[in-house]
Amino acid sequence: MKIIIVDDDKLAALSLKTILETEPEIEVLAMGNDGLEAISLYDTYKPDVLLMDIRMEKCSGLEAGEIILKSHPDAKILLLTTFSDDEYIIRALRIGAKGYILKQAFESIASAIIAVYNGQNVFGDAVMEKIPSLLNTNSSIEKNRNIFGITEKEIDLIRLVADGKNNKEIANLLFLSEGTIRNYISTILEKLELRDRTQLACFYYKNLS
């Protein structure tokens, strides 16, 4: 079984490679350090399994996974993270990732890769416990998203406003300019017929949380 490891922490990537290559059936073809490299490496090597961190600069694992799966629908992507974040779980399910496990469960990473290779979906115990309630919550959010005519990207931005982030902080998180963020927020306010960021935050907690 041939795999690729992508993690922006080079030491973590090397550690994973060392651990995984003790398994006789696993061969690490290449390693990358961000989502853009993941896309390029996948196109080059067509691995059996792509093991990829979620939180990376330039292009996250979720963004890279979505791009890869559009070009390679049969790609087997196992996402690895230190964060059991509800939004990450929903997005991992939505894009079609085959697994989502926590780095803390390092002793089960090799078995998770093998399971994904064999056609199973693998989500750690901490994640599996959340999925039923998250799917119910997500269906409600999706319904409201359609009612108000807002995109998933706009929901992400509204959530950051509701979290109290200013334009500069949002721009840094989304790798966009402050001017672009201002334009996005103005468009959203106009679309929802809201006056300011406070009303936008209230809208989020009333309709999307």
N, C-alpha and C. Protein backbone atom coordinates (compact mmCIF):
# COMPACT_ATOMS: atom_id res chain seq x y z
N MET A 1 0.84 -1.20 0.00
CA MET A 1 0.00 0.00 0.00
C MET A 1 0.88 1.24 0.00
N LYS A 2 0.63 2.14 -0.95
CA LYS A 2 1.47 3.32 -1.09
C LYS A 2 0.70 4.55 -0.60
N ILE A 3 1.34 5.34 0.26
CA ILE A 3 0.66 6.49 0.84
C ILE A 3 1.52 7.75 0.70
N ILE A 4 0.85 8.90 0.87
CA ILE A 4 1.51 10.19 0.95
C ILE A 4 1.12 10.83 2.28
N ILE A 5 2.07 11.49 2.93
CA ILE A 5 1.82 12.20 4.18
C ILE A 5 1.97 13.70 3.93
N VAL A 6 0.98 14.48 4.34
CA VAL A 6 1.06 15.94 4.21
C VAL A 6 0.74 16.57 5.57
N ASP A 7 1.70 17.30 6.11
CA ASP A 7 1.54 17.95 7.40
C ASP A 7 2.47 19.15 7.43
N ASP A 8 1.97 20.32 7.87
CA ASP A 8 2.82 21.50 7.87
C ASP A 8 3.86 21.48 8.99
N ASP A 9 3.73 20.55 9.90
CA ASP A 9 4.75 20.34 10.93
C ASP A 9 5.70 19.26 10.40
N LYS A 10 6.88 19.70 9.94
CA LYS A 10 7.80 18.75 9.29
C LYS A 10 8.25 17.66 10.23
N LEU A 11 8.43 18.00 11.51
CA LEU A 11 8.83 16.99 12.49
C LEU A 11 7.73 15.94 12.65
N ALA A 12 6.48 16.42 12.70
CA ALA A 12 5.35 15.49 12.82
C ALA A 12 5.27 14.58 11.61
N ALA A 13 5.49 15.15 10.42
CA ALA A 13 5.45 14.35 9.20
C ALA A 13 6.53 13.27 9.21
N LEU A 14 7.74 13.65 9.63
CA LEU A 14 8.83 12.68 9.70
C LEU A 14 8.54 11.59 10.74
N SER A 15 7.96 12.00 11.87
CA SER A 15 7.61 11.04 12.91
C SER A 15 6.57 10.05 12.40
N LEU A 16 5.56 10.56 11.69
CA LEU A 16 4.54 9.69 11.12
C LEU A 16 5.16 8.72 10.13
N LYS A 17 6.05 9.22 9.29
CA LYS A 17 6.72 8.36 8.31
C LYS A 17 7.49 7.24 9.00
N THR A 18 8.21 7.59 10.06
CA THR A 18 8.99 6.59 10.79
C THR A 18 8.08 5.54 11.41
N ILE A 19 6.99 6.00 12.03
CA ILE A 19 6.05 5.07 12.67
C ILE A 19 5.39 4.16 11.64
N LEU A 20 4.93 4.76 10.55
CA LEU A 20 4.15 4.00 9.57
C LEU A 20 5.00 3.01 8.78
N GLU A 21 6.26 3.35 8.56
CA GLU A 21 7.10 2.45 7.78
C GLU A 21 7.58 1.24 8.58
N THR A 22 7.20 1.19 9.86
CA THR A 22 7.44 -0.05 10.61
C THR A 22 6.40 -1.10 10.23
N GLU A 23 5.33 -0.66 9.57
CA GLU A 23 4.31 -1.59 9.09
C GLU A 23 4.73 -2.12 7.73
N PRO A 24 4.89 -3.44 7.58
CA PRO A 24 5.41 -4.00 6.33
C PRO A 24 4.57 -3.70 5.10
N GLU A 25 3.26 -3.47 5.29
CA GLU A 25 2.39 -3.26 4.13
C GLU A 25 2.29 -1.80 3.72
N ILE A 26 2.94 -0.88 4.47
CA ILE A 26 2.82 0.55 4.16
C ILE A 26 4.14 1.09 3.62
N GLU A 27 4.04 1.77 2.48
CA GLU A 27 5.20 2.45 1.89
C GLU A 27 4.87 3.93 1.72
N VAL A 28 5.69 4.81 2.27
CA VAL A 28 5.49 6.26 2.15
C VAL A 28 6.19 6.72 0.88
N LEU A 29 5.40 7.15 -0.10
CA LEU A 29 5.94 7.58 -1.39
C LEU A 29 6.56 8.97 -1.32
N ALA A 30 5.90 9.87 -0.60
CA ALA A 30 6.34 11.27 -0.56
C ALA A 30 5.70 11.97 0.62
N MET A 31 6.27 13.15 0.94
CA MET A 31 5.71 13.98 2.01
C MET A 31 5.59 15.41 1.52
N GLY A 32 4.56 16.10 2.02
CA GLY A 32 4.36 17.51 1.69
C GLY A 32 4.05 18.30 2.94
N ASN A 33 4.02 19.63 2.80
CA ASN A 33 3.84 20.48 3.98
C ASN A 33 2.67 21.44 3.90
N ASP A 34 1.89 21.40 2.82
CA ASP A 34 0.67 22.21 2.77
C ASP A 34 -0.29 21.63 1.74
N GLY A 35 -1.50 22.18 1.72
CA GLY A 35 -2.53 21.63 0.85
C GLY A 35 -2.19 21.71 -0.62
N LEU A 36 -1.51 22.78 -1.04
CA LEU A 36 -1.13 22.91 -2.45
C LEU A 36 -0.18 21.79 -2.86
N GLU A 37 0.75 21.46 -1.98
CA GLU A 37 1.65 20.34 -2.25
C GLU A 37 0.87 19.03 -2.30
N ALA A 38 -0.13 18.90 -1.44
CA ALA A 38 -0.94 17.68 -1.43
C ALA A 38 -1.59 17.45 -2.78
N ILE A 39 -2.15 18.52 -3.36
CA ILE A 39 -2.80 18.42 -4.66
C ILE A 39 -1.81 17.98 -5.74
N SER A 40 -0.63 18.63 -5.74
CA SER A 40 0.40 18.30 -6.72
C SER A 40 0.92 16.87 -6.54
N LEU A 41 1.18 16.50 -5.29
CA LEU A 41 1.71 15.16 -5.02
C LEU A 41 0.69 14.08 -5.37
N TYR A 42 -0.58 14.37 -5.11
CA TYR A 42 -1.60 13.36 -5.44
C TYR A 42 -1.65 13.16 -6.96
N ASP A 43 -1.62 14.25 -7.71
CA ASP A 43 -1.65 14.14 -9.17
C ASP A 43 -0.44 13.37 -9.70
N THR A 44 0.70 13.54 -9.04
CA THR A 44 1.93 12.90 -9.49
C THR A 44 1.97 11.41 -9.15
N TYR A 45 1.60 11.06 -7.91
CA TYR A 45 1.82 9.70 -7.41
C TYR A 45 0.57 8.82 -7.39
N LYS A 46 -0.62 9.44 -7.38
CA LYS A 46 -1.86 8.65 -7.26
C LYS A 46 -1.76 7.60 -6.15
N PRO A 47 -1.56 8.03 -4.90
CA PRO A 47 -1.36 7.06 -3.80
C PRO A 47 -2.63 6.29 -3.49
N ASP A 48 -2.45 5.17 -2.79
CA ASP A 48 -3.61 4.40 -2.33
C ASP A 48 -4.37 5.16 -1.25
N VAL A 49 -3.61 5.84 -0.37
CA VAL A 49 -4.22 6.64 0.71
C VAL A 49 -3.42 7.93 0.88
N LEU A 50 -4.12 9.03 1.04
CA LEU A 50 -3.49 10.31 1.37
C LEU A 50 -3.80 10.63 2.82
N LEU A 51 -2.75 10.68 3.64
CA LEU A 51 -2.88 11.05 5.05
C LEU A 51 -2.52 12.53 5.17
N MET A 52 -3.47 13.34 5.61
CA MET A 52 -3.27 14.79 5.52
C MET A 52 -3.79 15.52 6.75
N ASP A 53 -2.97 16.45 7.23
CA ASP A 53 -3.38 17.32 8.32
C ASP A 53 -4.45 18.29 7.81
N ILE A 54 -5.28 18.79 8.71
CA ILE A 54 -6.34 19.73 8.32
C ILE A 54 -5.85 21.17 8.37
N ARG A 55 -5.29 21.58 9.49
CA ARG A 55 -4.95 23.00 9.67
C ARG A 55 -3.56 23.28 9.11
N MET A 56 -3.53 23.86 7.90
CA MET A 56 -2.28 24.21 7.26
C MET A 56 -2.44 25.56 6.58
N GLU A 57 -1.36 26.32 6.48
CA GLU A 57 -1.40 27.61 5.81
C GLU A 57 -1.45 27.41 4.30
N LYS A 58 -1.76 28.48 3.59
CA LYS A 58 -1.89 28.52 2.13
C LYS A 58 -3.14 27.79 1.67
N CYS A 59 -3.28 26.53 2.06
CA CYS A 59 -4.42 25.73 1.62
C CYS A 59 -4.62 24.63 2.65
N SER A 60 -5.77 24.60 3.29
CA SER A 60 -6.01 23.62 4.35
C SER A 60 -6.22 22.22 3.78
N GLY A 61 -6.17 21.22 4.66
CA GLY A 61 -6.42 19.86 4.24
C GLY A 61 -7.82 19.67 3.70
N LEU A 62 -8.78 20.38 4.27
CA LEU A 62 -10.16 20.28 3.78
C LEU A 62 -10.29 20.87 2.38
N GLU A 63 -9.66 22.01 2.16
CA GLU A 63 -9.71 22.64 0.84
C GLU A 63 -9.01 21.78 -0.19
N ALA A 64 -7.83 21.26 0.18
CA ALA A 64 -7.09 20.40 -0.75
C ALA A 64 -7.86 19.12 -1.02
N GLY A 65 -8.45 18.54 0.02
CA GLY A 65 -9.22 17.31 -0.15
C GLY A 65 -10.38 17.49 -1.10
N GLU A 66 -11.06 18.63 -0.99
CA GLU A 66 -12.19 18.89 -1.87
C GLU A 66 -11.74 19.00 -3.33
N ILE A 67 -10.62 19.68 -3.56
CA ILE A 67 -10.09 19.83 -4.92
C ILE A 67 -9.66 18.48 -5.48
N ILE A 68 -8.97 17.69 -4.67
CA ILE A 68 -8.50 16.38 -5.12
C ILE A 68 -9.67 15.47 -5.46
N LEU A 69 -10.69 15.47 -4.61
CA LEU A 69 -11.83 14.57 -4.83
C LEU A 69 -12.66 14.98 -6.04
N LYS A 70 -12.64 16.24 -6.42
CA LYS A 70 -13.33 16.65 -7.64
C LYS A 70 -12.65 16.07 -8.87
N SER A 71 -11.32 16.01 -8.84
CA SER A 71 -10.56 15.45 -9.97
C SER A 71 -10.41 13.94 -9.88
N HIS A 72 -10.39 13.43 -8.64
CA HIS A 72 -10.18 12.00 -8.42
C HIS A 72 -11.23 11.50 -7.42
N PRO A 73 -12.46 11.24 -7.88
CA PRO A 73 -13.56 10.88 -6.97
C PRO A 73 -13.28 9.63 -6.13
N ASP A 74 -12.38 8.78 -6.60
CA ASP A 74 -12.08 7.55 -5.87
C ASP A 74 -10.94 7.72 -4.86
N ALA A 75 -10.43 8.94 -4.73
CA ALA A 75 -9.32 9.18 -3.80
C ALA A 75 -9.72 8.81 -2.38
N LYS A 76 -8.79 8.18 -1.68
CA LYS A 76 -9.02 7.80 -0.29
C LYS A 76 -8.20 8.73 0.59
N ILE A 77 -8.90 9.64 1.25
CA ILE A 77 -8.24 10.67 2.05
C ILE A 77 -8.57 10.47 3.52
N LEU A 78 -7.53 10.37 4.33
CA LEU A 78 -7.68 10.25 5.77
C LEU A 78 -7.15 11.54 6.39
N LEU A 79 -8.02 12.27 7.05
CA LEU A 79 -7.65 13.56 7.65
C LEU A 79 -7.19 13.37 9.08
N LEU A 80 -6.16 14.10 9.42
CA LEU A 80 -5.52 13.96 10.72
C LEU A 80 -5.42 15.34 11.35
N THR A 81 -5.84 15.45 12.62
CA THR A 81 -5.82 16.76 13.26
C THR A 81 -5.72 16.63 14.77
N THR A 82 -5.35 17.71 15.41
CA THR A 82 -5.34 17.73 16.87
C THR A 82 -6.64 18.30 17.41
N PHE A 83 -7.55 18.73 16.51
CA PHE A 83 -8.76 19.42 16.93
C PHE A 83 -10.01 18.62 16.58
N SER A 84 -10.80 18.28 17.59
CA SER A 84 -12.09 17.63 17.34
C SER A 84 -13.14 18.73 17.20
N ASP A 85 -13.05 19.47 16.10
CA ASP A 85 -13.90 20.63 15.86
C ASP A 85 -15.14 20.22 15.06
N ASP A 86 -16.32 20.65 15.52
CA ASP A 86 -17.56 20.23 14.89
C ASP A 86 -17.60 20.61 13.41
N GLU A 87 -17.18 21.83 13.10
CA GLU A 87 -17.24 22.28 11.70
C GLU A 87 -16.31 21.45 10.82
N TYR A 88 -15.13 21.10 11.35
CA TYR A 88 -14.21 20.26 10.59
C TYR A 88 -14.85 18.90 10.28
N ILE A 89 -15.53 18.33 11.28
CA ILE A 89 -16.15 17.02 11.10
C ILE A 89 -17.19 17.08 9.99
N ILE A 90 -18.05 18.09 10.03
CA ILE A 90 -19.09 18.22 9.02
C ILE A 90 -18.48 18.40 7.64
N ARG A 91 -17.47 19.24 7.53
CA ARG A 91 -16.85 19.48 6.22
C ARG A 91 -16.14 18.24 5.72
N ALA A 92 -15.50 17.49 6.63
CA ALA A 92 -14.84 16.24 6.22
C ALA A 92 -15.85 15.26 5.65
N LEU A 93 -17.00 15.15 6.30
CA LEU A 93 -18.06 14.28 5.80
C LEU A 93 -18.58 14.78 4.47
N ARG A 94 -18.75 16.09 4.36
CA ARG A 94 -19.36 16.67 3.17
C ARG A 94 -18.48 16.47 1.94
N ILE A 95 -17.17 16.66 2.08
CA ILE A 95 -16.31 16.56 0.89
C ILE A 95 -16.06 15.12 0.48
N GLY A 96 -16.34 14.18 1.38
CA GLY A 96 -16.17 12.77 1.03
C GLY A 96 -14.89 12.14 1.54
N ALA A 97 -14.31 12.71 2.59
CA ALA A 97 -13.13 12.09 3.20
C ALA A 97 -13.50 10.72 3.75
N LYS A 98 -12.55 9.81 3.71
CA LYS A 98 -12.81 8.44 4.18
C LYS A 98 -12.57 8.29 5.67
N GLY A 99 -11.96 9.30 6.27
CA GLY A 99 -11.71 9.20 7.71
C GLY A 99 -11.26 10.51 8.29
N TYR A 100 -11.42 10.62 9.60
CA TYR A 100 -11.05 11.82 10.35
C TYR A 100 -10.65 11.31 11.72
N ILE A 101 -9.38 11.37 12.03
CA ILE A 101 -8.93 10.88 13.33
C ILE A 101 -8.03 11.92 13.99
N LEU A 102 -7.93 11.83 15.29
CA LEU A 102 -7.15 12.78 16.07
C LEU A 102 -5.70 12.30 16.18
N LYS A 103 -4.77 13.25 16.09
CA LYS A 103 -3.36 12.91 16.19
C LYS A 103 -3.02 12.25 17.52
N GLN A 104 -3.81 12.61 18.53
CA GLN A 104 -3.54 12.04 19.85
C GLN A 104 -3.66 10.51 19.84
N ALA A 105 -4.47 10.02 18.91
CA ALA A 105 -4.67 8.56 18.81
C ALA A 105 -3.63 7.96 17.87
N PHE A 106 -2.34 8.32 18.08
CA PHE A 106 -1.28 7.93 17.14
C PHE A 106 -1.14 6.42 17.02
N GLU A 107 -1.50 5.70 18.08
CA GLU A 107 -1.34 4.25 18.05
C GLU A 107 -2.31 3.58 17.08
N SER A 108 -3.35 4.31 16.66
CA SER A 108 -4.34 3.71 15.77
C SER A 108 -4.26 4.24 14.34
N ILE A 109 -3.25 5.09 14.05
CA ILE A 109 -3.17 5.70 12.73
C ILE A 109 -2.90 4.66 11.65
N ALA A 110 -1.96 3.75 11.91
CA ALA A 110 -1.64 2.72 10.92
C ALA A 110 -2.85 1.85 10.61
N SER A 111 -3.55 1.42 11.64
CA SER A 111 -4.73 0.57 11.42
C SER A 111 -5.83 1.35 10.70
N ALA A 112 -5.91 2.67 10.96
CA ALA A 112 -6.90 3.49 10.26
C ALA A 112 -6.58 3.58 8.77
N ILE A 113 -5.30 3.74 8.45
CA ILE A 113 -4.89 3.80 7.04
C ILE A 113 -5.22 2.50 6.33
N ILE A 114 -4.92 1.38 6.99
CA ILE A 114 -5.21 0.07 6.40
C ILE A 114 -6.71 -0.10 6.18
N ALA A 115 -7.50 0.34 7.15
CA ALA A 115 -8.96 0.22 7.04
C ALA A 115 -9.48 1.06 5.87
N VAL A 116 -8.98 2.28 5.73
CA VAL A 116 -9.39 3.14 4.63
C VAL A 116 -8.99 2.52 3.30
N TYR A 117 -7.79 1.97 3.22
CA TYR A 117 -7.32 1.29 2.02
C TYR A 117 -8.25 0.14 1.63
N ASN A 118 -8.79 -0.53 2.63
CA ASN A 118 -9.68 -1.67 2.40
C ASN A 118 -11.14 -1.26 2.19
N GLY A 119 -11.37 0.05 2.05
CA GLY A 119 -12.71 0.51 1.69
C GLY A 119 -13.60 0.92 2.84
N GLN A 120 -13.06 0.97 4.06
CA GLN A 120 -13.87 1.36 5.21
C GLN A 120 -13.77 2.87 5.45
N ASN A 121 -14.79 3.41 6.08
CA ASN A 121 -14.73 4.78 6.58
C ASN A 121 -14.29 4.73 8.03
N VAL A 122 -13.37 5.58 8.39
CA VAL A 122 -12.79 5.53 9.73
C VAL A 122 -12.92 6.89 10.41
N PHE A 123 -13.68 6.92 11.47
CA PHE A 123 -13.78 8.12 12.29
C PHE A 123 -13.54 7.70 13.73
N GLY A 124 -12.64 8.42 14.43
CA GLY A 124 -12.31 8.05 15.79
C GLY A 124 -13.52 8.06 16.71
N ASP A 125 -13.38 7.39 17.84
CA ASP A 125 -14.51 7.28 18.78
C ASP A 125 -15.04 8.65 19.19
N ALA A 126 -14.13 9.60 19.46
CA ALA A 126 -14.56 10.94 19.89
C ALA A 126 -15.37 11.62 18.79
N VAL A 127 -15.02 11.34 17.55
CA VAL A 127 -15.74 11.92 16.42
C VAL A 127 -17.07 11.21 16.20
N MET A 128 -17.07 9.89 16.25
CA MET A 128 -18.28 9.11 15.99
C MET A 128 -19.40 9.48 16.95
N GLU A 129 -19.04 9.79 18.19
CA GLU A 129 -20.06 10.15 19.18
C GLU A 129 -20.80 11.43 18.79
N LYS A 130 -20.13 12.30 18.02
CA LYS A 130 -20.72 13.60 17.68
C LYS A 130 -21.55 13.57 16.40
N ILE A 131 -21.30 12.60 15.52
CA ILE A 131 -21.85 12.67 14.17
C ILE A 131 -23.37 12.75 14.12
N PRO A 132 -24.13 11.92 14.86
CA PRO A 132 -25.60 12.02 14.74
C PRO A 132 -26.14 13.41 15.05
N SER A 133 -25.68 14.00 16.15
CA SER A 133 -26.20 15.33 16.51
C SER A 133 -25.70 16.39 15.54
N LEU A 134 -24.48 16.23 15.03
CA LEU A 134 -23.96 17.20 14.09
C LEU A 134 -24.72 17.17 12.77
N LEU A 135 -25.08 16.00 12.32
CA LEU A 135 -25.82 15.89 11.06
C LEU A 135 -27.20 16.52 11.20
N ASN A 136 -27.82 16.34 12.36
CA ASN A 136 -29.12 16.98 12.58
C ASN A 136 -28.99 18.49 12.58
N THR A 137 -27.97 18.99 13.28
CA THR A 137 -27.72 20.43 13.32
C THR A 137 -27.42 20.96 11.94
N ASN A 138 -26.61 20.20 11.20
CA ASN A 138 -26.21 20.65 9.87
C ASN A 138 -27.38 20.75 8.92
N SER A 139 -28.35 19.81 9.02
CA SER A 139 -29.50 19.85 8.13
C SER A 139 -30.32 21.11 8.38
N SER A 140 -30.40 21.53 9.66
CA SER A 140 -31.11 22.77 9.99
C SER A 140 -30.38 23.98 9.42
N ILE A 141 -29.06 23.99 9.54
CA ILE A 141 -28.27 25.09 8.99
C ILE A 141 -28.42 25.14 7.48
N GLU A 142 -28.38 23.95 6.84
CA GLU A 142 -28.51 23.90 5.38
C GLU A 142 -29.87 24.44 4.93
N LYS A 143 -30.90 24.10 5.70
CA LYS A 143 -32.24 24.60 5.36
C LYS A 143 -32.28 26.12 5.45
N ASN A 144 -31.75 26.68 6.53
CA ASN A 144 -31.75 28.13 6.69
C ASN A 144 -30.85 28.81 5.66
N ARG A 145 -29.76 28.14 5.31
CA ARG A 145 -28.86 28.69 4.29
C ARG A 145 -29.61 28.87 2.97
N ASN A 146 -30.41 27.86 2.63
CA ASN A 146 -31.18 27.94 1.38
C ASN A 146 -32.27 29.01 1.46
N ILE A 147 -32.90 29.11 2.63
CA ILE A 147 -33.97 30.11 2.80
C ILE A 147 -33.42 31.52 2.60
N PHE A 148 -32.26 31.80 3.19
CA PHE A 148 -31.73 33.17 3.15
C PHE A 148 -30.83 33.42 1.93
N GLY A 149 -30.57 32.37 1.14
CA GLY A 149 -29.79 32.56 -0.09
C GLY A 149 -28.34 32.90 0.15
N ILE A 150 -27.76 32.36 1.21
CA ILE A 150 -26.36 32.63 1.50
C ILE A 150 -25.53 31.38 1.22
N THR A 151 -24.29 31.60 0.84
CA THR A 151 -23.41 30.50 0.50
C THR A 151 -22.69 29.96 1.74
N GLU A 152 -22.09 28.80 1.58
CA GLU A 152 -21.32 28.21 2.69
C GLU A 152 -20.17 29.12 3.08
N LYS A 153 -19.52 29.73 2.09
CA LYS A 153 -18.42 30.65 2.38
C LYS A 153 -18.91 31.84 3.18
N GLU A 154 -20.10 32.35 2.84
CA GLU A 154 -20.67 33.48 3.57
C GLU A 154 -21.01 33.08 5.00
N ILE A 155 -21.47 31.85 5.19
CA ILE A 155 -21.75 31.37 6.55
C ILE A 155 -20.46 31.35 7.38
N ASP A 156 -19.36 30.89 6.76
CA ASP A 156 -18.07 30.87 7.48
C ASP A 156 -17.68 32.28 7.92
N LEU A 157 -17.90 33.25 7.04
CA LEU A 157 -17.54 34.63 7.36
C LEU A 157 -18.46 35.19 8.45
N ILE A 158 -19.76 34.89 8.35
CA ILE A 158 -20.72 35.35 9.37
C ILE A 158 -20.34 34.76 10.73
N ARG A 159 -19.92 33.51 10.73
CA ARG A 159 -19.54 32.86 11.99
C ARG A 159 -18.36 33.58 12.64
N LEU A 160 -17.39 33.99 11.83
CA LEU A 160 -16.24 34.70 12.36
C LEU A 160 -16.63 36.07 12.91
N VAL A 161 -17.56 36.74 12.24
CA VAL A 161 -18.07 38.02 12.77
C VAL A 161 -18.76 37.78 14.11
N ALA A 162 -19.57 36.73 14.17
CA ALA A 162 -20.28 36.40 15.42
C ALA A 162 -19.31 36.04 16.54
N ASP A 163 -18.14 35.51 16.17
CA ASP A 163 -17.12 35.18 17.17
C ASP A 163 -16.36 36.40 17.66
N GLY A 164 -16.70 37.58 17.09
CA GLY A 164 -16.07 38.82 17.53
C GLY A 164 -14.80 39.19 16.81
N LYS A 165 -14.51 38.51 15.71
CA LYS A 165 -13.29 38.81 14.96
C LYS A 165 -13.47 40.09 14.16
N ASN A 166 -12.41 40.93 14.12
CA ASN A 166 -12.46 42.13 13.30
C ASN A 166 -12.01 41.81 11.87
N ASN A 167 -12.08 42.79 10.99
CA ASN A 167 -11.78 42.54 9.58
C ASN A 167 -10.35 42.03 9.37
N LYS A 168 -9.40 42.60 10.10
CA LYS A 168 -8.01 42.19 9.95
C LYS A 168 -7.83 40.73 10.38
N GLU A 169 -8.43 40.36 11.50
CA GLU A 169 -8.32 38.98 11.99
C GLU A 169 -8.97 38.00 11.01
N ILE A 170 -10.13 38.38 10.48
CA ILE A 170 -10.82 37.52 9.50
C ILE A 170 -9.97 37.40 8.24
N ALA A 171 -9.41 38.51 7.79
CA ALA A 171 -8.57 38.49 6.59
C ALA A 171 -7.38 37.55 6.77
N ASN A 172 -6.76 37.58 7.95
CA ASN A 172 -5.62 36.70 8.22
C ASN A 172 -6.04 35.23 8.24
N LEU A 173 -7.20 34.96 8.82
CA LEU A 173 -7.68 33.58 8.91
C LEU A 173 -8.05 33.02 7.54
N LEU A 174 -8.60 33.87 6.68
CA LEU A 174 -9.08 33.40 5.37
C LEU A 174 -8.09 33.68 4.25
N PHE A 175 -6.94 34.28 4.60
CA PHE A 175 -5.89 34.60 3.62
C PHE A 175 -6.43 35.50 2.51
N LEU A 176 -7.19 36.53 2.92
CA LEU A 176 -7.73 37.52 2.01
C LEU A 176 -7.34 38.91 2.49
N SER A 177 -7.57 39.93 1.67
CA SER A 177 -7.27 41.29 2.10
C SER A 177 -8.40 41.84 2.95
N GLU A 178 -8.09 42.86 3.76
CA GLU A 178 -9.13 43.49 4.58
C GLU A 178 -10.20 44.11 3.69
N GLY A 179 -9.79 44.68 2.55
CA GLY A 179 -10.76 45.28 1.64
C GLY A 179 -11.75 44.25 1.11
N THR A 180 -11.24 43.06 0.80
CA THR A 180 -12.11 41.99 0.32
C THR A 180 -13.11 41.59 1.39
N ILE A 181 -12.64 41.51 2.63
CA ILE A 181 -13.52 41.15 3.75
C ILE A 181 -14.61 42.20 3.93
N ARG A 182 -14.22 43.48 3.86
CA ARG A 182 -15.21 44.57 3.98
C ARG A 182 -16.28 44.45 2.90
N ASN A 183 -15.84 44.15 1.68
CA ASN A 183 -16.79 44.02 0.57
C ASN A 183 -17.73 42.83 0.80
N TYR A 184 -17.17 41.72 1.26
CA TYR A 184 -17.99 40.54 1.54
C TYR A 184 -19.06 40.84 2.58
N ILE A 185 -18.63 41.51 3.66
CA ILE A 185 -19.57 41.81 4.75
C ILE A 185 -20.65 42.77 4.28
N SER A 186 -20.27 43.76 3.50
CA SER A 186 -21.26 44.70 2.96
C SER A 186 -22.29 43.97 2.10
N THR A 187 -21.81 43.05 1.29
CA THR A 187 -22.70 42.27 0.42
C THR A 187 -23.66 41.43 1.26
N ILE A 188 -23.13 40.80 2.30
CA ILE A 188 -23.95 39.95 3.16
C ILE A 188 -25.01 40.78 3.90
N LEU A 189 -24.59 41.93 4.42
CA LEU A 189 -25.54 42.80 5.13
C LEU A 189 -26.67 43.24 4.20
N GLU A 190 -26.31 43.57 2.97
CA GLU A 190 -27.33 43.99 2.00
C GLU A 190 -28.26 42.83 1.66
N LYS A 191 -27.68 41.65 1.47
CA LYS A 191 -28.48 40.49 1.11
C LYS A 191 -29.47 40.13 2.21
N LEU A 192 -29.03 40.25 3.46
CA LEU A 192 -29.87 39.86 4.59
C LEU A 192 -30.69 41.04 5.15
N GLU A 193 -30.48 42.22 4.54
CA GLU A 193 -31.19 43.43 4.97
C GLU A 193 -30.92 43.73 6.44
N LEU A 194 -29.63 43.68 6.79
CA LEU A 194 -29.20 43.97 8.16
C LEU A 194 -28.38 45.25 8.15
N ARG A 195 -28.33 45.90 9.31
CA ARG A 195 -27.72 47.22 9.40
C ARG A 195 -26.22 47.17 9.70
N ASP A 196 -25.80 46.28 10.59
CA ASP A 196 -24.41 46.31 11.02
C ASP A 196 -23.97 44.92 11.50
N ARG A 197 -22.72 44.86 11.99
CA ARG A 197 -22.13 43.58 12.41
C ARG A 197 -22.85 43.01 13.62
N THR A 198 -23.35 43.87 14.49
CA THR A 198 -24.07 43.37 15.66
C THR A 198 -25.32 42.61 15.23
N GLN A 199 -26.06 43.19 14.29
CA GLN A 199 -27.24 42.50 13.79
C GLN A 199 -26.85 41.21 13.08
N LEU A 200 -25.70 41.24 12.41
CA LEU A 200 -25.23 40.04 11.70
C LEU A 200 -24.91 38.92 12.70
N ALA A 201 -24.28 39.29 13.83
CA ALA A 201 -23.98 38.31 14.87
C ALA A 201 -25.28 37.74 15.45
N CYS A 202 -26.23 38.60 15.69
CA CYS A 202 -27.53 38.13 16.21
C CYS A 202 -28.20 37.19 15.21
N PHE A 203 -28.09 37.54 13.92
CA PHE A 203 -28.66 36.68 12.87
C PHE A 203 -28.04 35.28 12.93
N TYR A 204 -26.71 35.25 13.11
CA TYR A 204 -26.02 33.97 13.17
C TYR A 204 -26.53 33.11 14.32
N TYR A 205 -26.58 33.68 15.52
CA TYR A 205 -26.98 32.90 16.68
C TYR A 205 -28.46 32.50 16.63
N LYS A 206 -29.26 33.27 15.93
CA LYS A 206 -30.69 32.96 15.81
C LYS A 206 -30.95 31.90 14.74
N ASN A 207 -30.19 31.95 13.65
CA ASN A 207 -30.54 31.12 12.49
C ASN A 207 -29.51 30.06 12.10
N LEU A 208 -28.25 30.23 12.50
CA LEU A 208 -27.21 29.36 11.95
C LEU A 208 -26.39 28.61 12.98
N SER A 209 -26.60 28.86 14.25
CA SER A 209 -25.77 28.19 15.26
C SER A 209 -26.44 26.93 15.76
